Amino acid sequence: MKVVVLTGPESSGKSWLAAGLQERFGGLRVDEYVRRFIELNPRDTCLDDIPDIARGQLQWEDEARAQRPELLILDTHLLSNMLWSQTLFDACPAWLEQELLTRHYDLHLLLSPEQIDWTDDGQRCQPDLVERQAFYQATRQWLEQHHQPLQVIAGSWAERQAQAFAAVARLLAE
């Protein structure tokens, strides 16, 4: 089983690319649990919600891993939960990073916020490119610090798709 994670700031194409990767290569896709959590809890999210959101994401991931697909595509993982917790609340439950470091991921596709427009979907909160760039840099720094395999995805929508498809094709050929 090869596990690919799409990561990076909001409105950079993670969900769109996850769906495209699944359509192109098959496999199993795990969506972003926090979206469901927000739909079920239509109020401002708080620090006390972070453990529930993280547990929900882990449960979805673990259920997918148990099916042992050839390709597992994760629209996000605990790193996003950690960084959003730090961004919004200036705190994060320590167990999230510990749990994340126990898991194996074959490739992180890190999406740049540049060269594409931010889209408001009612759940996003970083319309300023500077904020999304800071989130991107924090994501990249964590991945590099922890020696996680990554491929930066940037450019137009078509360029992003071509880069992601090529990266996953290489991974599956290994």
C-alpha atoms as a PDB file:
ATOM      1  CA  MET A   1       0.000   0.000   0.000  1.00  0.00           C
ATOM      2  CA  LYS A   2       1.265   3.452  -0.965  1.00  0.00           C
ATOM      3  CA  VAL A   3      -0.011   6.379   1.107  1.00  0.00           C
ATOM      4  CA  VAL A   4      -0.135   9.863  -0.421  1.00  0.00           C
ATOM      5  CA  VAL A   5      -1.072  12.940   1.619  1.00  0.00           C
ATOM      6  CA  LEU A   6      -2.197  16.230   0.145  1.00  0.00           C
ATOM      7  CA  THR A   7      -1.184  19.026   2.479  1.00  0.00           C
ATOM      8  CA  GLY A   8      -0.746  22.760   2.610  1.00  0.00           C
ATOM      9  CA  PRO A   9      -2.887  25.854   3.084  1.00  0.00           C
ATOM     10  CA  GLU A  10      -6.577  26.168   2.419  1.00  0.00           C
ATOM     11  CA  SER A  11      -7.826  26.849  -1.090  1.00  0.00           C
ATOM     12  CA  SER A  12      -4.715  25.406  -2.738  1.00  0.00           C
ATOM     13  CA  GLY A  13      -6.464  22.491  -4.472  1.00  0.00           C
ATOM     14  CA  LYS A  14      -6.026  19.586  -2.046  1.00  0.00           C
ATOM     15  CA  SER A  15      -9.564  18.181  -2.276  1.00  0.00           C
ATOM     16  CA  TRP A  16      -9.735  18.762  -6.017  1.00  0.00           C
ATOM     17  CA  LEU A  17      -6.411  16.991  -6.556  1.00  0.00           C
ATOM     18  CA  ALA A  18      -7.321  14.138  -4.199  1.00  0.00           C
ATOM     19  CA  ALA A  19     -10.432  13.467  -6.278  1.00  0.00           C
ATOM     20  CA  GLY A  20      -8.431  13.736  -9.506  1.00  0.00           C
ATOM     21  CA  LEU A  21      -5.789  11.330  -8.237  1.00  0.00           C
ATOM     22  CA  GLN A  22      -8.423   8.798  -7.276  1.00  0.00           C
ATOM     23  CA  GLU A  23     -10.115   9.140 -10.650  1.00  0.00           C
ATOM     24  CA  ARG A  24      -6.780   8.707 -12.480  1.00  0.00           C
ATOM     25  CA  PHE A  25      -5.143   5.992 -10.354  1.00  0.00           C
ATOM     26  CA  GLY A  26      -7.982   4.383  -8.415  1.00  0.00           C
ATOM     27  CA  GLY A  27      -7.362   3.577  -4.803  1.00  0.00           C
ATOM     28  CA  LEU A  28      -9.170   4.835  -1.768  1.00  0.00           C
ATOM     29  CA  ARG A  29      -9.577   8.495  -0.790  1.00  0.00           C
ATOM     30  CA  VAL A  30     -10.036   9.830   2.731  1.00  0.00           C
ATOM     31  CA  ASP A  31     -11.622  13.250   2.932  1.00  0.00           C
ATOM     32  CA  GLU A  32     -11.004  16.001   5.465  1.00  0.00           C
ATOM     33  CA  TYR A  33     -12.888  15.165   8.669  1.00  0.00           C
ATOM     34  CA  VAL A  34     -12.982  18.749   9.949  1.00  0.00           C
ATOM     35  CA  ARG A  35     -15.419  19.690   7.159  1.00  0.00           C
ATOM     36  CA  ARG A  36     -17.902  17.127   8.441  1.00  0.00           C
ATOM     37  CA  PHE A  37     -17.279  18.239  12.026  1.00  0.00           C
ATOM     38  CA  ILE A  38     -18.075  21.859  11.125  1.00  0.00           C
ATOM     39  CA  GLU A  39     -21.226  20.825   9.255  1.00  0.00           C
ATOM     40  CA  LEU A  40     -22.406  18.822  12.293  1.00  0.00           C
ATOM     41  CA  ASN A  41     -21.394  21.578  14.751  1.00  0.00           C
ATOM     42  CA  PRO A  42     -22.385  24.897  13.134  1.00  0.00           C
ATOM     43  CA  ARG A  43     -20.589  27.169  15.584  1.00  0.00           C
ATOM     44  CA  ASP A  44     -17.118  28.608  16.022  1.00  0.00           C
ATOM     45  CA  THR A  45     -14.606  25.825  16.504  1.00  0.00           C
ATOM     46  CA  CYS A  46     -12.594  26.023  19.741  1.00  0.00           C
ATOM     47  CA  LEU A  47      -9.438  24.449  21.149  1.00  0.00           C
ATOM     48  CA  ASP A  48     -11.493  21.824  22.974  1.00  0.00           C
ATOM     49  CA  ASP A  49     -12.734  20.591  19.560  1.00  0.00           C
ATOM     50  CA  ILE A  50      -9.249  19.785  18.250  1.00  0.00           C
ATOM     51  CA  PRO A  51      -8.977  16.322  19.895  1.00  0.00           C
ATOM     52  CA  ASP A  52     -12.380  15.296  18.505  1.00  0.00           C
ATOM     53  CA  ILE A  53     -11.457  16.528  15.037  1.00  0.00           C
ATOM     54  CA  ALA A  54      -8.101  14.722  15.168  1.00  0.00           C
ATOM     55  CA  ARG A  55      -9.679  11.488  16.421  1.00  0.00           C
ATOM     56  CA  GLY A  56     -12.246  11.653  13.622  1.00  0.00           C
ATOM     57  CA  GLN A  57      -9.504  12.129  11.019  1.00  0.00           C
ATOM     58  CA  LEU A  58      -7.520   9.232  12.481  1.00  0.00           C
ATOM     59  CA  GLN A  59     -10.572   6.978  12.539  1.00  0.00           C
ATOM     60  CA  TRP A  60     -11.290   7.665   8.873  1.00  0.00           C
ATOM     61  CA  GLU A  61      -7.629   7.087   8.001  1.00  0.00           C
ATOM     62  CA  ASP A  62      -7.411   3.867  10.026  1.00  0.00           C
ATOM     63  CA  GLU A  63     -10.611   2.481   8.487  1.00  0.00           C
ATOM     64  CA  ALA A  64      -9.173   3.141   5.032  1.00  0.00           C
ATOM     65  CA  ARG A  65      -5.781   1.630   5.918  1.00  0.00           C
ATOM     66  CA  ALA A  66      -7.532  -1.511   7.165  1.00  0.00           C
ATOM     67  CA  GLN A  67      -8.881  -2.062   3.645  1.00  0.00           C
ATOM     68  CA  ARG A  68      -5.268  -2.239   2.343  1.00  0.00           C
ATOM     69  CA  PRO A  69      -5.821  -0.454  -0.982  1.00  0.00           C
ATOM     70  CA  GLU A  70      -2.922  -0.304  -3.402  1.00  0.00           C
ATOM     71  CA  LEU A  71      -3.139   3.491  -3.170  1.00  0.00           C
ATOM     72  CA  LEU A  72      -4.459   5.456  -0.207  1.00  0.00           C
ATOM     73  CA  ILE A  73      -5.033   9.161  -0.891  1.00  0.00           C
ATOM     74  CA  LEU A  74      -5.420  11.383   2.160  1.00  0.00           C
ATOM     75  CA  ASP A  75      -6.950  14.810   1.576  1.00  0.00           C
ATOM     76  CA  THR A  76      -5.205  15.827   4.812  1.00  0.00           C
ATOM     77  CA  HIS A  77      -3.722  14.357   7.986  1.00  0.00           C
ATOM     78  CA  LEU A  78      -2.875  15.351  11.546  1.00  0.00           C
ATOM     79  CA  LEU A  79      -0.300  17.925  10.482  1.00  0.00           C
ATOM     80  CA  SER A  80      -3.086  20.203   9.278  1.00  0.00           C
ATOM     81  CA  ASN A  81      -4.936  19.705  12.574  1.00  0.00           C
ATOM     82  CA  MET A  82      -1.761  20.627  14.457  1.00  0.00           C
ATOM     83  CA  LEU A  83      -1.020  23.725  12.412  1.00  0.00           C
ATOM     84  CA  TRP A  84      -4.605  24.984  12.446  1.00  0.00           C
ATOM     85  CA  SER A  85      -4.722  24.503  16.208  1.00  0.00           C
ATOM     86  CA  GLN A  86      -1.541  26.576  16.540  1.00  0.00           C
ATOM     87  CA  THR A  87      -2.787  29.182  14.059  1.00  0.00           C
ATOM     88  CA  LEU A  88      -6.231  29.641  15.577  1.00  0.00           C
ATOM     89  CA  PHE A  89      -5.608  28.994  19.275  1.00  0.00           C
ATOM     90  CA  ASP A  90      -1.841  29.304  19.761  1.00  0.00           C
ATOM     91  CA  ALA A  91      -1.880  25.834  21.337  1.00  0.00           C
ATOM     92  CA  CYS A  92      -2.100  22.208  20.279  1.00  0.00           C
ATOM     93  CA  PRO A  93      -2.564  18.915  22.137  1.00  0.00           C
ATOM     94  CA  ALA A  94       0.898  17.301  22.268  1.00  0.00           C
ATOM     95  CA  TRP A  95      -0.404  13.842  21.405  1.00  0.00           C
ATOM     96  CA  LEU A  96      -1.241  14.902  17.837  1.00  0.00           C
ATOM     97  CA  GLU A  97       2.390  15.218  16.800  1.00  0.00           C
ATOM     98  CA  GLN A  98       3.339  12.040  18.662  1.00  0.00           C
ATOM     99  CA  GLU A  99       0.571  10.141  16.869  1.00  0.00           C
ATOM    100  CA  LEU A 100       1.489  11.610  13.495  1.00  0.00           C
ATOM    101  CA  LEU A 101       5.111  10.539  13.889  1.00  0.00           C
ATOM    102  CA  THR A 102       4.081   6.903  14.495  1.00  0.00           C
ATOM    103  CA  ARG A 103       2.493   6.662  11.044  1.00  0.00           C
ATOM    104  CA  HIS A 104       4.090   6.000   7.681  1.00  0.00           C
ATOM    105  CA  TYR A 105       3.358   8.156   4.645  1.00  0.00           C
ATOM    106  CA  ASP A 106       5.060   7.485   1.314  1.00  0.00           C
ATOM    107  CA  LEU A 107       4.614  10.946  -0.195  1.00  0.00           C
ATOM    108  CA  HIS A 108       3.343  14.363   0.845  1.00  0.00           C
ATOM    109  CA  LEU A 109       2.147  16.570  -1.974  1.00  0.00           C
ATOM    110  CA  LEU A 110       2.660  20.063  -0.532  1.00  0.00           C
ATOM    111  CA  LEU A 111       0.492  22.570  -2.367  1.00  0.00           C
ATOM    112  CA  SER A 112       1.640  26.148  -2.747  1.00  0.00           C
ATOM    113  CA  PRO A 113      -0.925  28.921  -2.273  1.00  0.00           C
ATOM    114  CA  GLU A 114       0.603  31.029  -5.025  1.00  0.00           C
ATOM    115  CA  GLN A 115      -0.690  31.524  -8.582  1.00  0.00           C
ATOM    116  CA  ILE A 116      -4.271  30.533  -7.768  1.00  0.00           C
ATOM    117  CA  ASP A 117      -7.129  32.486  -6.264  1.00  0.00           C
ATOM    118  CA  TRP A 118      -8.546  31.920  -2.799  1.00  0.00           C
ATOM    119  CA  THR A 119     -12.136  30.694  -2.857  1.00  0.00           C
ATOM    120  CA  ASP A 120     -14.560  31.310   0.002  1.00  0.00           C
ATOM    121  CA  ASP A 121     -16.560  28.179   0.758  1.00  0.00           C
ATOM    122  CA  GLY A 122     -18.018  29.275   4.085  1.00  0.00           C
ATOM    123  CA  GLN A 123     -15.443  27.318   6.113  1.00  0.00           C
ATOM    124  CA  ARG A 124     -12.203  28.977   5.042  1.00  0.00           C
ATOM    125  CA  CYS A 125     -10.698  31.854   6.987  1.00  0.00           C
ATOM    126  CA  GLN A 126      -7.411  32.896   5.321  1.00  0.00           C
ATOM    127  CA  PRO A 127      -8.231  35.070   2.302  1.00  0.00           C
ATOM    128  CA  ASP A 128      -4.881  36.884   2.532  1.00  0.00           C
ATOM    129  CA  LEU A 129      -2.088  35.259   0.548  1.00  0.00           C
ATOM    130  CA  VAL A 130       0.420  36.217   3.262  1.00  0.00           C
ATOM    131  CA  GLU A 131      -1.476  34.064   5.793  1.00  0.00           C
ATOM    132  CA  ARG A 132      -1.638  31.117   3.413  1.00  0.00           C
ATOM    133  CA  GLN A 133       2.077  31.490   2.611  1.00  0.00           C
ATOM    134  CA  ALA A 134       2.877  31.359   6.351  1.00  0.00           C
ATOM    135  CA  PHE A 135       0.805  28.173   6.687  1.00  0.00           C
ATOM    136  CA  TYR A 136       2.603  26.708   3.660  1.00  0.00           C
ATOM    137  CA  GLN A 137       5.998  27.547   5.177  1.00  0.00           C
ATOM    138  CA  ALA A 138       5.042  26.026   8.543  1.00  0.00           C
ATOM    139  CA  THR A 139       3.901  22.857   6.770  1.00  0.00           C
ATOM    140  CA  ARG A 140       7.086  22.627   4.726  1.00  0.00           C
ATOM    141  CA  GLN A 141       9.271  23.299   7.756  1.00  0.00           C
ATOM    142  CA  TRP A 142       7.611  20.510   9.755  1.00  0.00           C
ATOM    143  CA  LEU A 143       7.844  18.015   6.888  1.00  0.00           C
ATOM    144  CA  GLU A 144      11.516  18.799   6.272  1.00  0.00           C
ATOM    145  CA  GLN A 145      12.382  18.807   9.986  1.00  0.00           C
ATOM    146  CA  HIS A 146      10.870  15.333  10.340  1.00  0.00           C
ATOM    147  CA  HIS A 147      12.402  14.020   7.100  1.00  0.00           C
ATOM    148  CA  GLN A 148       9.057  13.327   5.468  1.00  0.00           C
ATOM    149  CA  PRO A 149       9.011  12.633   1.706  1.00  0.00           C
ATOM    150  CA  LEU A 150       7.535  15.615  -0.089  1.00  0.00           C
ATOM    151  CA  GLN A 151       6.941  17.067  -3.515  1.00  0.00           C
ATOM    152  CA  VAL A 152       5.979  20.718  -3.871  1.00  0.00           C
ATOM    153  CA  ILE A 153       3.012  21.268  -6.175  1.00  0.00           C
ATOM    154  CA  ALA A 154       2.660  24.759  -7.659  1.00  0.00           C
ATOM    155  CA  GLY A 155       1.518  26.714 -10.687  1.00  0.00           C
ATOM    156  CA  SER A 156      -1.768  26.833 -12.524  1.00  0.00           C
ATOM    157  CA  TRP A 157      -4.497  24.257 -11.972  1.00  0.00           C
ATOM    158  CA  ALA A 158      -3.313  22.295 -15.016  1.00  0.00           C
ATOM    159  CA  GLU A 159       0.318  22.434 -13.849  1.00  0.00           C
ATOM    160  CA  ARG A 160      -0.679  21.255 -10.379  1.00  0.00           C
ATOM    161  CA  GLN A 161      -2.578  18.327 -11.801  1.00  0.00           C
ATOM    162  CA  ALA A 162       0.302  17.341 -14.100  1.00  0.00           C
ATOM    163  CA  GLN A 163       2.842  17.545 -11.249  1.00  0.00           C
ATOM    164  CA  ALA A 164       0.668  15.534  -8.858  1.00  0.00           C
ATOM    165  CA  PHE A 165      -0.129  12.876 -11.449  1.00  0.00           C
ATOM    166  CA  ALA A 166       3.569  12.510 -12.332  1.00  0.00           C
ATOM    167  CA  ALA A 167       4.590  12.247  -8.671  1.00  0.00           C
ATOM    168  CA  VAL A 168       2.014   9.554  -7.919  1.00  0.00           C
ATOM    169  CA  ALA A 169       2.864   7.652 -11.113  1.00  0.00           C
ATOM    170  CA  ARG A 170       6.531   7.588 -10.005  1.00  0.00           C
ATOM    171  CA  LEU A 171       5.550   6.423  -6.535  1.00  0.00           C
ATOM    172  CA  LEU A 172       3.401   3.605  -7.873  1.00  0.00           C
ATOM    173  CA  ALA A 173       6.182   2.512 -10.257  1.00  0.00           C
ATOM    174  CA  GLU A 174       8.629   2.040  -7.342  1.00  0.00           C
END
